[in-house]
Amino acid sequence: MKITTSTRTELAASYNVSLTTLNKWLKKIEELKIEANSRILTPKQVEIIFLHLGEPGN
């Protein structure tokens, strides 16, 4: 899977969870640096999320 930019809403939908649940999961990933008002996640941030949560649909 090619890693591209994504929003939190798009990621939550791909994991089939609510945005609230996704945000709780993201807070537990220590090396993930996300500003509270960030709307777009960089490919590097998405890669870190995939490493910790697995790729959606797998």
Protein backbone atom coordinates (compact mmCIF):
# COMPACT_ATOMS: atom_id res chain seq x y z
CA MET A 1 0.00 0.00 0.00
CA LYS A 2 1.36 3.40 -0.96
CA ILE A 3 1.46 5.75 2.03
CA THR A 4 0.07 9.20 1.31
CA THR A 5 -1.22 12.15 3.29
CA SER A 6 -4.49 11.55 5.10
CA THR A 7 -6.89 13.24 7.47
CA ARG A 8 -7.83 11.78 10.82
CA THR A 9 -11.41 11.36 9.58
CA GLU A 10 -10.21 9.35 6.56
CA LEU A 11 -8.04 7.15 8.79
CA ALA A 12 -10.88 6.56 11.25
CA ALA A 13 -13.13 5.49 8.38
CA SER A 14 -10.47 3.14 7.00
CA TYR A 15 -10.09 1.49 10.43
CA ASN A 16 -13.90 1.46 10.78
CA VAL A 17 -13.83 3.30 14.14
CA SER A 18 -15.06 6.68 15.34
CA LEU A 19 -12.82 9.72 15.23
CA THR A 20 -12.86 9.77 19.05
CA THR A 21 -11.54 6.20 19.19
CA LEU A 22 -8.83 6.92 16.62
CA ASN A 23 -7.69 9.99 18.56
CA LYS A 24 -7.41 7.89 21.75
CA TRP A 25 -5.28 5.37 19.86
CA LEU A 26 -3.06 8.11 18.44
CA LYS A 27 -2.39 9.61 21.88
CA LYS A 28 -0.83 6.29 22.92
CA ILE A 29 1.81 6.41 20.15
CA GLU A 30 4.67 8.28 21.82
CA GLU A 31 6.84 8.97 18.76
CA LEU A 32 3.89 10.38 16.81
CA LYS A 33 4.09 14.16 16.91
CA ILE A 34 0.74 15.66 15.91
CA GLU A 35 -0.36 19.19 16.64
CA ALA A 36 -3.86 19.40 18.12
CA ASN A 37 -5.09 21.54 15.23
CA SER A 38 -3.41 19.53 12.44
CA ARG A 39 -5.91 18.61 9.75
CA ILE A 40 -3.62 16.69 7.41
CA LEU A 41 -1.27 13.91 8.51
CA THR A 42 2.02 13.63 6.63
CA PRO A 43 3.04 10.38 4.94
CA LYS A 44 5.64 9.88 7.71
CA GLN A 45 2.95 10.26 10.40
CA VAL A 46 0.69 7.83 8.54
CA GLU A 47 3.59 5.37 8.28
CA ILE A 48 4.15 5.53 12.07
CA ILE A 49 0.43 4.95 12.64
CA PHE A 50 0.50 1.90 10.32
CA LEU A 51 3.52 0.50 12.16
CA HIS A 52 1.67 0.67 15.47
CA LEU A 53 -1.90 -0.13 14.43
CA GLY A 54 -1.28 -2.18 11.31
CA GLU A 55 -2.54 -1.24 7.88
CA PRO A 56 -6.32 -0.83 7.69
CA GLY A 57 -8.14 -3.88 6.42
CA ASN A 58 -5.41 -6.35 7.43
